[in-house]
Amino acid sequence: MLLTYIPGDFKSGKYYEAGFGYRVRLQNSGSLLFSGGYSVKSVKKVNEANFCPVVGTCFYFSDKYLYNMSRIVFRLGWQF
């Protein structure tokens, strides 16, 4: 009986980002910055395994993991 496990690597995926910002000028020549945005990232990983209980007969197993990550971002800054 033979079990071979092959851990997979992460495959490149997609990354999207969109946002907006606004600057408020203050009297002392500085500015207050406001910005917000949204981003999405997705990656994939595939693990493989071969199981051969008898010589000549093998079974192939594959696990696919899809990771989808998103976030909302708010930023506050000072420009001088």
Foldseek 3Di string as FASTA:
>chain_A
DDKDKAWWDKDAWDKDKDKDKDWDQDPVRKIKIKMKIKMKGKIKTKIKMWDDPDPPDIDIDMDIDIDIDMDIDIDIDMGD
